[in-house]
C-alpha atoms as a PDB file:
ATOM      1  CA  UNK A   1      91.206 139.805 100.233  1.00  0.00           C
ATOM      2  CA  UNK A   2      90.326 143.421 101.014  1.00  0.00           C
ATOM      3  CA  UNK A   3      91.637 144.530 104.375  1.00  0.00           C
ATOM      4  CA  UNK A   4      91.359 147.505 106.667  1.00  0.00           C
ATOM      5  CA  UNK A   5      93.474 148.052 109.752  1.00  0.00           C
ATOM      6  CA  UNK A   6      92.669 151.390 111.307  1.00  0.00           C
ATOM      7  CA  UNK A   7      90.216 150.539 114.092  1.00  0.00           C
ATOM      8  CA  UNK A   8      90.864 150.240 117.797  1.00  0.00           C
ATOM      9  CA  UNK A   9      89.917 146.677 118.717  1.00  0.00           C
ATOM     10  CA  UNK A  10      90.249 144.176 121.576  1.00  0.00           C
ATOM     11  CA  UNK A  11      91.107 140.681 120.348  1.00  0.00           C
ATOM     12  CA  UNK A  12      91.224 137.452 122.375  1.00  0.00           C
ATOM     13  CA  UNK A  13      93.657 134.838 121.055  1.00  0.00           C
ATOM     14  CA  UNK A  14      93.560 131.429 122.735  1.00  0.00           C
ATOM     15  CA  UNK A  15      96.659 129.261 123.098  1.00  0.00           C
ATOM     16  CA  UNK A  16      98.796 132.297 122.349  1.00  0.00           C
ATOM     17  CA  UNK A  17     101.889 131.984 124.523  1.00  0.00           C
ATOM     18  CA  UNK A  18     103.663 130.090 121.727  1.00  0.00           C
ATOM     19  CA  UNK A  19     103.383 128.863 118.163  1.00  0.00           C
ATOM     20  CA  UNK A  20     100.793 130.229 115.764  1.00  0.00           C
ATOM     21  CA  UNK A  21      98.829 132.012 118.489  1.00  0.00           C
ATOM     22  CA  UNK A  22     101.831 134.060 119.549  1.00  0.00           C
ATOM     23  CA  UNK A  23     102.651 134.628 115.894  1.00  0.00           C
ATOM     24  CA  UNK A  24      99.153 136.047 115.343  1.00  0.00           C
ATOM     25  CA  UNK A  25      99.543 138.536 118.193  1.00  0.00           C
ATOM     26  CA  UNK A  26     102.988 139.516 116.911  1.00  0.00           C
ATOM     27  CA  UNK A  27     101.757 140.052 113.354  1.00  0.00           C
ATOM     28  CA  UNK A  28      98.625 141.989 114.257  1.00  0.00           C
ATOM     29  CA  UNK A  29     100.360 144.108 116.904  1.00  0.00           C
ATOM     30  CA  UNK A  30     103.139 144.989 114.471  1.00  0.00           C
ATOM     31  CA  UNK A  31     100.702 145.949 111.712  1.00  0.00           C
ATOM     32  CA  UNK A  32      98.213 147.918 113.783  1.00  0.00           C
ATOM     33  CA  UNK A  33      99.150 149.899 116.921  1.00  0.00           C
ATOM     34  CA  UNK A  34      95.473 150.252 117.876  1.00  0.00           C
ATOM     35  CA  UNK A  35      94.926 146.509 118.368  1.00  0.00           C
ATOM     36  CA  UNK A  36      94.951 145.303 121.975  1.00  0.00           C
ATOM     37  CA  UNK A  37      94.927 141.647 123.015  1.00  0.00           C
ATOM     38  CA  UNK A  38      93.927 139.144 125.657  1.00  0.00           C
ATOM     39  CA  UNK A  39      96.527 136.374 125.616  1.00  0.00           C
ATOM     40  CA  UNK A  40      94.457 133.391 126.798  1.00  0.00           C
ATOM     41  CA  UNK A  41      96.782 130.655 128.091  1.00  0.00           C
ATOM     42  CA  UNK A  42      96.682 127.613 130.322  1.00  0.00           C
ATOM     43  CA  UNK A  43      99.719 128.782 132.298  1.00  0.00           C
ATOM     44  CA  UNK A  44      99.990 132.510 133.027  1.00  0.00           C
ATOM     45  CA  UNK A  45     103.679 132.198 133.877  1.00  0.00           C
ATOM     46  CA  UNK A  46     104.369 130.871 130.386  1.00  0.00           C
ATOM     47  CA  UNK A  47     102.259 133.702 129.009  1.00  0.00           C
ATOM     48  CA  UNK A  48     104.227 136.297 130.940  1.00  0.00           C
ATOM     49  CA  UNK A  49     107.509 134.834 129.697  1.00  0.00           C
ATOM     50  CA  UNK A  50     106.240 134.895 126.104  1.00  0.00           C
ATOM     51  CA  UNK A  51     105.198 138.510 126.526  1.00  0.00           C
ATOM     52  CA  UNK A  52     108.662 139.423 127.818  1.00  0.00           C
ATOM     53  CA  UNK A  53     110.244 137.957 124.696  1.00  0.00           C
ATOM     54  CA  UNK A  54     107.720 139.677 122.445  1.00  0.00           C
ATOM     55  CA  UNK A  55     108.525 142.990 124.140  1.00  0.00           C
ATOM     56  CA  UNK A  56     112.054 142.723 122.750  1.00  0.00           C
ATOM     57  CA  UNK A  57     110.560 143.065 119.264  1.00  0.00           C
ATOM     58  CA  UNK A  58     107.563 145.330 119.881  1.00  0.00           C
ATOM     59  CA  UNK A  59     108.337 148.124 122.288  1.00  0.00           C
ATOM     60  CA  UNK A  60     104.932 148.931 123.784  1.00  0.00           C
ATOM     61  CA  UNK A  61     103.435 145.450 123.589  1.00  0.00           C
ATOM     62  CA  UNK A  62     103.159 145.015 127.377  1.00  0.00           C
ATOM     63  CA  UNK A  63     100.686 147.890 127.455  1.00  0.00           C
ATOM     64  CA  UNK A  64      98.573 146.163 124.826  1.00  0.00           C
ATOM     65  CA  UNK A  65      98.479 142.529 126.017  1.00  0.00           C
ATOM     66  CA  UNK A  66      96.596 141.181 129.027  1.00  0.00           C
ATOM     67  CA  UNK A  67      97.629 137.634 129.995  1.00  0.00           C
ATOM     68  CA  UNK A  68      94.649 135.642 131.283  1.00  0.00           C
ATOM     69  CA  UNK A  69      94.333 131.996 132.370  1.00  0.00           C
ATOM     70  CA  UNK A  70      92.138 129.739 130.257  1.00  0.00           C
ATOM     71  CA  UNK A  71      92.039 125.950 130.062  1.00  0.00           C
ATOM     72  CA  UNK A  72      89.642 124.765 127.361  1.00  0.00           C
ATOM     73  CA  UNK A  73      89.640 121.289 128.898  1.00  0.00           C
ATOM     74  CA  UNK A  74      88.007 122.701 132.049  1.00  0.00           C
ATOM     75  CA  UNK A  75      84.462 124.098 131.806  1.00  0.00           C
ATOM     76  CA  UNK A  76      84.873 126.019 135.081  1.00  0.00           C
ATOM     77  CA  UNK A  77      88.022 127.663 133.733  1.00  0.00           C
ATOM     78  CA  UNK A  78      86.035 128.771 130.671  1.00  0.00           C
ATOM     79  CA  UNK A  79      83.281 130.232 132.860  1.00  0.00           C
ATOM     80  CA  UNK A  80      85.797 132.071 135.048  1.00  0.00           C
ATOM     81  CA  UNK A  81      87.645 133.415 132.013  1.00  0.00           C
ATOM     82  CA  UNK A  82      84.490 134.795 130.396  1.00  0.00           C
ATOM     83  CA  UNK A  83      83.390 136.369 133.680  1.00  0.00           C
ATOM     84  CA  UNK A  84      86.776 138.041 134.284  1.00  0.00           C
ATOM     85  CA  UNK A  85      87.226 139.344 130.769  1.00  0.00           C
ATOM     86  CA  UNK A  86      83.658 140.559 130.329  1.00  0.00           C
ATOM     87  CA  UNK A  87      83.735 142.430 133.664  1.00  0.00           C
ATOM     88  CA  UNK A  88      87.091 143.992 132.862  1.00  0.00           C
ATOM     89  CA  UNK A  89      86.412 145.056 129.279  1.00  0.00           C
ATOM     90  CA  UNK A  90      82.655 144.961 128.750  1.00  0.00           C
ATOM     91  CA  UNK A  91      82.794 144.175 125.042  1.00  0.00           C
ATOM     92  CA  UNK A  92      85.261 142.096 123.023  1.00  0.00           C
ATOM     93  CA  UNK A  93      85.701 142.788 119.342  1.00  0.00           C
ATOM     94  CA  UNK A  94      87.065 139.423 118.272  1.00  0.00           C
ATOM     95  CA  UNK A  95      87.631 135.913 119.588  1.00  0.00           C
ATOM     96  CA  UNK A  96      90.282 133.979 117.695  1.00  0.00           C
ATOM     97  CA  UNK A  97      90.071 130.311 118.712  1.00  0.00           C
ATOM     98  CA  UNK A  98      93.614 129.141 118.046  1.00  0.00           C
ATOM     99  CA  UNK A  99      94.222 126.622 120.852  1.00  0.00           C
ATOM    100  CA  UNK A 100      94.372 122.991 119.772  1.00  0.00           C
ATOM    101  CA  UNK A 101      96.135 119.739 120.599  1.00  0.00           C
ATOM    102  CA  UNK A 102      96.910 116.407 118.943  1.00  0.00           C
ATOM    103  CA  UNK A 103      98.345 113.099 120.040  1.00  0.00           C
ATOM    104  CA  UNK A 104     101.925 113.745 121.086  1.00  0.00           C
ATOM    105  CA  UNK A 105     105.261 111.922 120.834  1.00  0.00           C
ATOM    106  CA  UNK A 106     104.830 110.993 124.497  1.00  0.00           C
ATOM    107  CA  UNK A 107     101.854 108.827 123.556  1.00  0.00           C
ATOM    108  CA  UNK A 108     103.122 105.271 123.297  1.00  0.00           C
ATOM    109  CA  UNK A 109     101.812 104.430 119.839  1.00  0.00           C
ATOM    110  CA  UNK A 110     101.923 107.758 118.017  1.00  0.00           C
ATOM    111  CA  UNK A 111     102.848 107.822 114.332  1.00  0.00           C
ATOM    112  CA  UNK A 112     103.687 110.508 111.796  1.00  0.00           C
ATOM    113  CA  UNK A 113     101.052 110.796 109.085  1.00  0.00           C
ATOM    114  CA  UNK A 114     102.817 110.254 105.736  1.00  0.00           C
ATOM    115  CA  UNK A 115     100.750 112.931 103.956  1.00  0.00           C
ATOM    116  CA  UNK A 116     101.065 115.780 106.413  1.00  0.00           C
ATOM    117  CA  UNK A 117     103.695 114.751 108.935  1.00  0.00           C
ATOM    118  CA  UNK A 118     101.233 115.465 111.723  1.00  0.00           C
ATOM    119  CA  UNK A 119     101.786 113.582 114.951  1.00  0.00           C
ATOM    120  CA  UNK A 120      98.352 112.007 114.911  1.00  0.00           C
ATOM    121  CA  UNK A 121      98.492 108.590 113.334  1.00  0.00           C
ATOM    122  CA  UNK A 122      95.413 106.478 113.998  1.00  0.00           C
ATOM    123  CA  UNK A 123      95.051 107.322 117.661  1.00  0.00           C
ATOM    124  CA  UNK A 124      91.379 106.843 118.500  1.00  0.00           C
ATOM    125  CA  UNK A 125      91.376 105.126 121.884  1.00  0.00           C
ATOM    126  CA  UNK A 126      88.650 106.619 124.117  1.00  0.00           C
ATOM    127  CA  UNK A 127      90.996 108.428 126.501  1.00  0.00           C
ATOM    128  CA  UNK A 128      93.056 110.121 123.788  1.00  0.00           C
ATOM    129  CA  UNK A 129      89.948 110.959 121.771  1.00  0.00           C
ATOM    130  CA  UNK A 130      88.212 112.612 124.725  1.00  0.00           C
ATOM    131  CA  UNK A 131      91.328 114.639 125.524  1.00  0.00           C
ATOM    132  CA  UNK A 132      91.710 115.889 121.957  1.00  0.00           C
ATOM    133  CA  UNK A 133      87.986 116.587 121.484  1.00  0.00           C
ATOM    134  CA  UNK A 134      87.691 118.496 124.755  1.00  0.00           C
ATOM    135  CA  UNK A 135      90.114 121.172 123.567  1.00  0.00           C
ATOM    136  CA  UNK A 136      89.679 121.056 119.800  1.00  0.00           C
ATOM    137  CA  UNK A 137      85.900 120.893 119.751  1.00  0.00           C
ATOM    138  CA  UNK A 138      83.907 120.966 122.986  1.00  0.00           C
ATOM    139  CA  UNK A 139      85.985 123.597 124.780  1.00  0.00           C
ATOM    140  CA  UNK A 140      86.228 125.798 121.705  1.00  0.00           C
ATOM    141  CA  UNK A 141      82.464 125.657 121.138  1.00  0.00           C
ATOM    142  CA  UNK A 142      81.742 126.240 124.822  1.00  0.00           C
ATOM    143  CA  UNK A 143      83.991 129.309 124.962  1.00  0.00           C
ATOM    144  CA  UNK A 144      82.542 130.748 121.756  1.00  0.00           C
ATOM    145  CA  UNK A 145      78.941 130.394 122.938  1.00  0.00           C
ATOM    146  CA  UNK A 146      79.622 131.680 126.445  1.00  0.00           C
ATOM    147  CA  UNK A 147      81.473 134.751 125.223  1.00  0.00           C
ATOM    148  CA  UNK A 148      79.021 135.473 122.407  1.00  0.00           C
ATOM    149  CA  UNK A 149      76.850 137.855 124.529  1.00  0.00           C
ATOM    150  CA  UNK A 150      79.988 139.938 125.117  1.00  0.00           C
ATOM    151  CA  UNK A 151      81.112 140.126 121.487  1.00  0.00           C
ATOM    152  CA  UNK A 152      80.574 143.641 120.171  1.00  0.00           C
ATOM    153  CA  UNK A 153      78.270 144.561 117.317  1.00  0.00           C
ATOM    154  CA  UNK A 154      80.072 143.768 114.032  1.00  0.00           C
ATOM    155  CA  UNK A 155      82.582 141.619 115.921  1.00  0.00           C
ATOM    156  CA  UNK A 156      84.250 138.398 114.830  1.00  0.00           C
ATOM    157  CA  UNK A 157      84.598 134.787 115.962  1.00  0.00           C
ATOM    158  CA  UNK A 158      87.309 132.861 114.123  1.00  0.00           C
ATOM    159  CA  UNK A 159      88.361 129.225 114.473  1.00  0.00           C
ATOM    160  CA  UNK A 160      91.765 127.896 113.487  1.00  0.00           C
ATOM    161  CA  UNK A 161      90.896 124.564 111.924  1.00  0.00           C
ATOM    162  CA  UNK A 162      92.829 122.445 109.449  1.00  0.00           C
ATOM    163  CA  UNK A 163      92.754 121.063 105.911  1.00  0.00           C
ATOM    164  CA  UNK A 164      93.347 117.770 107.722  1.00  0.00           C
ATOM    165  CA  UNK A 165      89.630 118.042 108.508  1.00  0.00           C
ATOM    166  CA  UNK A 166      88.095 118.177 105.029  1.00  0.00           C
ATOM    167  CA  UNK A 167      85.157 115.907 104.228  1.00  0.00           C
ATOM    168  CA  UNK A 168      87.468 113.749 102.097  1.00  0.00           C
ATOM    169  CA  UNK A 169      88.619 112.259 105.413  1.00  0.00           C
ATOM    170  CA  UNK A 170      85.169 110.751 105.996  1.00  0.00           C
ATOM    171  CA  UNK A 171      84.505 107.208 104.794  1.00  0.00           C
ATOM    172  CA  UNK A 172      80.727 107.366 104.605  1.00  0.00           C
ATOM    173  CA  UNK A 173      78.596 109.263 102.104  1.00  0.00           C
ATOM    174  CA  UNK A 174      75.735 109.393 104.608  1.00  0.00           C
ATOM    175  CA  UNK A 175      78.042 111.025 107.156  1.00  0.00           C
ATOM    176  CA  UNK A 176      79.253 113.523 104.546  1.00  0.00           C
ATOM    177  CA  UNK A 177      75.645 114.444 103.769  1.00  0.00           C
ATOM    178  CA  UNK A 178      75.049 115.264 107.432  1.00  0.00           C
ATOM    179  CA  UNK A 179      77.923 117.743 107.382  1.00  0.00           C
ATOM    180  CA  UNK A 180      76.765 119.202 104.066  1.00  0.00           C
ATOM    181  CA  UNK A 181      73.229 119.874 105.308  1.00  0.00           C
ATOM    182  CA  UNK A 182      72.797 123.663 104.899  1.00  0.00           C
ATOM    183  CA  UNK A 183      70.583 123.709 108.001  1.00  0.00           C
ATOM    184  CA  UNK A 184      73.068 121.850 110.227  1.00  0.00           C
ATOM    185  CA  UNK A 185      72.895 123.300 113.739  1.00  0.00           C
ATOM    186  CA  UNK A 186      75.537 123.509 116.418  1.00  0.00           C
ATOM    187  CA  UNK A 187      73.576 121.038 118.539  1.00  0.00           C
ATOM    188  CA  UNK A 188      73.513 118.561 115.650  1.00  0.00           C
ATOM    189  CA  UNK A 189      77.239 119.086 115.100  1.00  0.00           C
ATOM    190  CA  UNK A 190      77.880 118.367 118.781  1.00  0.00           C
ATOM    191  CA  UNK A 191      75.773 115.202 118.475  1.00  0.00           C
ATOM    192  CA  UNK A 192      78.101 114.124 115.663  1.00  0.00           C
ATOM    193  CA  UNK A 193      81.069 114.770 117.948  1.00  0.00           C
ATOM    194  CA  UNK A 194      79.472 112.549 120.582  1.00  0.00           C
ATOM    195  CA  UNK A 195      78.931 109.897 117.921  1.00  0.00           C
ATOM    196  CA  UNK A 196      82.648 109.863 117.182  1.00  0.00           C
ATOM    197  CA  UNK A 197      83.531 109.444 120.853  1.00  0.00           C
ATOM    198  CA  UNK A 198      80.976 106.645 121.175  1.00  0.00           C
ATOM    199  CA  UNK A 199      82.512 104.937 118.154  1.00  0.00           C
ATOM    200  CA  UNK A 200      85.910 104.823 119.883  1.00  0.00           C
ATOM    201  CA  UNK A 201      84.396 102.733 122.665  1.00  0.00           C
ATOM    202  CA  UNK A 202      82.693 100.212 120.368  1.00  0.00           C
ATOM    203  CA  UNK A 203      85.308  99.469 117.732  1.00  0.00           C
ATOM    204  CA  UNK A 204      87.020 101.544 115.093  1.00  0.00           C
ATOM    205  CA  UNK A 205      85.588 104.974 114.192  1.00  0.00           C
ATOM    206  CA  UNK A 206      85.962 103.946 110.540  1.00  0.00           C
ATOM    207  CA  UNK A 207      83.181 101.422 111.166  1.00  0.00           C
ATOM    208  CA  UNK A 208      80.858 104.456 111.322  1.00  0.00           C
ATOM    209  CA  UNK A 209      82.530 106.317 108.480  1.00  0.00           C
ATOM    210  CA  UNK A 210      84.874 108.451 110.584  1.00  0.00           C
ATOM    211  CA  UNK A 211      88.646 108.725 110.131  1.00  0.00           C
ATOM    212  CA  UNK A 212      90.676 106.628 112.544  1.00  0.00           C
ATOM    213  CA  UNK A 213      92.371 109.749 113.864  1.00  0.00           C
ATOM    214  CA  UNK A 214      90.797 111.705 116.704  1.00  0.00           C
ATOM    215  CA  UNK A 215      92.716 114.803 115.635  1.00  0.00           C
ATOM    216  CA  UNK A 216      91.415 114.629 112.073  1.00  0.00           C
ATOM    217  CA  UNK A 217      87.845 113.999 113.251  1.00  0.00           C
ATOM    218  CA  UNK A 218      88.025 116.927 115.677  1.00  0.00           C
ATOM    219  CA  UNK A 219      89.095 119.203 112.832  1.00  0.00           C
ATOM    220  CA  UNK A 220      86.318 117.966 110.536  1.00  0.00           C
ATOM    221  CA  UNK A 221      83.904 119.020 113.264  1.00  0.00           C
ATOM    222  CA  UNK A 222      85.422 122.369 114.240  1.00  0.00           C
ATOM    223  CA  UNK A 223      85.880 123.370 110.584  1.00  0.00           C
ATOM    224  CA  UNK A 224      82.084 123.277 110.286  1.00  0.00           C
ATOM    225  CA  UNK A 225      81.323 125.042 113.566  1.00  0.00           C
ATOM    226  CA  UNK A 226      81.371 128.584 112.083  1.00  0.00           C
ATOM    227  CA  UNK A 227      78.834 127.534 109.448  1.00  0.00           C
ATOM    228  CA  UNK A 228      76.434 126.368 112.160  1.00  0.00           C
ATOM    229  CA  UNK A 229      77.222 129.449 114.244  1.00  0.00           C
ATOM    230  CA  UNK A 230      76.265 131.666 111.308  1.00  0.00           C
ATOM    231  CA  UNK A 231      72.656 130.460 111.813  1.00  0.00           C
ATOM    232  CA  UNK A 232      72.622 131.648 115.447  1.00  0.00           C
ATOM    233  CA  UNK A 233      70.098 134.454 115.991  1.00  0.00           C
ATOM    234  CA  UNK A 234      72.475 136.539 118.092  1.00  0.00           C
ATOM    235  CA  UNK A 235      75.179 136.234 115.430  1.00  0.00           C
ATOM    236  CA  UNK A 236      72.689 137.452 112.825  1.00  0.00           C
ATOM    237  CA  UNK A 237      71.285 140.292 114.936  1.00  0.00           C
ATOM    238  CA  UNK A 238      74.726 141.607 115.909  1.00  0.00           C
ATOM    239  CA  UNK A 239      76.233 141.119 112.434  1.00  0.00           C
ATOM    240  CA  UNK A 240      79.108 139.071 113.818  1.00  0.00           C
ATOM    241  CA  UNK A 241      81.471 137.517 111.291  1.00  0.00           C
ATOM    242  CA  UNK A 242      82.301 133.825 111.758  1.00  0.00           C
ATOM    243  CA  UNK A 243      85.048 131.936 109.925  1.00  0.00           C
ATOM    244  CA  UNK A 244      87.259 128.867 110.058  1.00  0.00           C
ATOM    245  CA  UNK A 245      90.720 128.739 108.549  1.00  0.00           C
ATOM    246  CA  UNK A 246      93.831 126.626 108.151  1.00  0.00           C
ATOM    247  CA  UNK A 247      97.175 128.301 108.883  1.00  0.00           C
ATOM    248  CA  UNK A 248      99.034 125.784 106.716  1.00  0.00           C
ATOM    249  CA  UNK A 249     101.513 123.128 107.762  1.00  0.00           C
ATOM    250  CA  UNK A 250     103.456 125.122 110.335  1.00  0.00           C
ATOM    251  CA  UNK A 251     106.409 123.801 112.323  1.00  0.00           C
ATOM    252  CA  UNK A 252     105.183 123.798 115.941  1.00  0.00           C
ATOM    253  CA  UNK A 253     105.313 121.428 118.886  1.00  0.00           C
ATOM    254  CA  UNK A 254     101.892 120.095 117.818  1.00  0.00           C
ATOM    255  CA  UNK A 255     103.634 118.238 114.973  1.00  0.00           C
ATOM    256  CA  UNK A 256     107.075 117.897 116.599  1.00  0.00           C
ATOM    257  CA  UNK A 257     108.249 120.736 114.318  1.00  0.00           C
ATOM    258  CA  UNK A 258     107.842 118.678 111.130  1.00  0.00           C
ATOM    259  CA  UNK A 259     106.005 121.519 109.364  1.00  0.00           C
ATOM    260  CA  UNK A 260     107.560 123.394 106.465  1.00  0.00           C
ATOM    261  CA  UNK A 261     106.046 126.827 107.194  1.00  0.00           C
ATOM    262  CA  UNK A 262     107.312 129.231 109.838  1.00  0.00           C
ATOM    263  CA  UNK A 263     105.097 130.555 112.628  1.00  0.00           C
ATOM    264  CA  UNK A 264     105.150 133.966 110.967  1.00  0.00           C
ATOM    265  CA  UNK A 265     103.844 132.392 107.740  1.00  0.00           C
ATOM    266  CA  UNK A 266     101.184 130.448 109.648  1.00  0.00           C
ATOM    267  CA  UNK A 267      99.908 133.632 111.272  1.00  0.00           C
ATOM    268  CA  UNK A 268      99.033 135.216 107.919  1.00  0.00           C
ATOM    269  CA  UNK A 269      95.615 133.682 107.159  1.00  0.00           C
ATOM    270  CA  UNK A 270      94.099 134.050 110.684  1.00  0.00           C
ATOM    271  CA  UNK A 271      95.426 137.609 110.841  1.00  0.00           C
ATOM    272  CA  UNK A 272      94.005 138.429 107.412  1.00  0.00           C
ATOM    273  CA  UNK A 273      90.555 137.406 108.648  1.00  0.00           C
ATOM    274  CA  UNK A 274      90.901 139.737 111.620  1.00  0.00           C
ATOM    275  CA  UNK A 275      91.866 142.530 109.249  1.00  0.00           C
ATOM    276  CA  UNK A 276      88.879 142.088 106.948  1.00  0.00           C
ATOM    277  CA  UNK A 277      86.409 145.011 107.066  1.00  0.00           C
ATOM    278  CA  UNK A 278      84.307 144.791 110.227  1.00  0.00           C
ATOM    279  CA  UNK A 279      81.040 144.055 108.478  1.00  0.00           C
ATOM    280  CA  UNK A 280      79.462 140.787 107.368  1.00  0.00           C
ATOM    281  CA  UNK A 281      80.289 139.681 103.837  1.00  0.00           C
ATOM    282  CA  UNK A 282      77.642 137.133 102.830  1.00  0.00           C
ATOM    283  CA  UNK A 283      80.083 135.470 100.435  1.00  0.00           C
ATOM    284  CA  UNK A 284      82.486 134.747 103.299  1.00  0.00           C
ATOM    285  CA  UNK A 285      80.160 134.197 106.261  1.00  0.00           C
ATOM    286  CA  UNK A 286      80.631 130.803 107.948  1.00  0.00           C
ATOM    287  CA  UNK A 287      83.186 129.717 105.357  1.00  0.00           C
ATOM    288  CA  UNK A 288      86.631 128.104 105.520  1.00  0.00           C
ATOM    289  CA  UNK A 289      89.833 129.836 104.391  1.00  0.00           C
ATOM    290  CA  UNK A 290      93.219 128.484 103.372  1.00  0.00           C
ATOM    291  CA  UNK A 291      96.092 130.694 102.213  1.00  0.00           C
ATOM    292  CA  UNK A 292      93.721 133.621 102.802  1.00  0.00           C
ATOM    293  CA  UNK A 293      91.317 132.347 100.145  1.00  0.00           C
ATOM    294  CA  UNK A 294      88.030 130.458 100.303  1.00  0.00           C
ATOM    295  CA  UNK A 295      88.512 126.698 100.374  1.00  0.00           C
ATOM    296  CA  UNK A 296      85.849 124.071  99.693  1.00  0.00           C
ATOM    297  CA  UNK A 297      85.715 121.689 102.645  1.00  0.00           C
ATOM    298  CA  UNK A 298      84.164 118.938 100.514  1.00  0.00           C
ATOM    299  CA  UNK A 299      87.472 118.423  98.658  1.00  0.00           C
END
């Protein structure tokens, strides 16, 4: 993967006071002194504390990181965030959608998936599903679309998805075909997300071909969001790059630290996408990356 890292850029990283998000800021800031960041976090106090710790490793990092409140589960918070950041900076070079949640050990019936170790199990009750989807899909899409007018020419929008959201997780060929439609729009993708939530209220999602894991379903959806976004007229006119990627199975609180990769290792692929040349590569546009290489989501 060809990379360049000599431009002055402003990069928003969501969910970046810990885990992979913080690792991404650390890696990019260490590699390129001209990168500046908006650390988008639900709790600014936690963000400030994370920044203090990061300052022990990177001397001038406080001058390069702006901690801003953002709760993807709250549409008003998204609106306020976009308004604040756009007024303060005018243009943003990149939005890296890292924030995501799963079912947690505090949920009464959580299980560890035997394949990945993820704390997701088959949680698909309506309440849990809505909570997971609001951050992992709806909030991420909402933020991306609202901030799009403020993304600079030749900018980037990147989504941290997961190989836990490949089409192999779907149990219906008809449903797979809907995701594989080359003309799939963001509105149609959102309608599929609504279909999953509806399925949780009327039986098992698997009855409609979905996986019985809200986390997995949310990642199937968000993995395909960049492909639909690539068809957006403003994306095309402004030559904005759009990608999804999987950081690998990283030990974070999302999986109760069952992962076998470190945060620093998990930051590599998202960071590599930021460091790609700042011009659209038709071979890459809207695609999914794993271990910094193209990955077929149908597998």
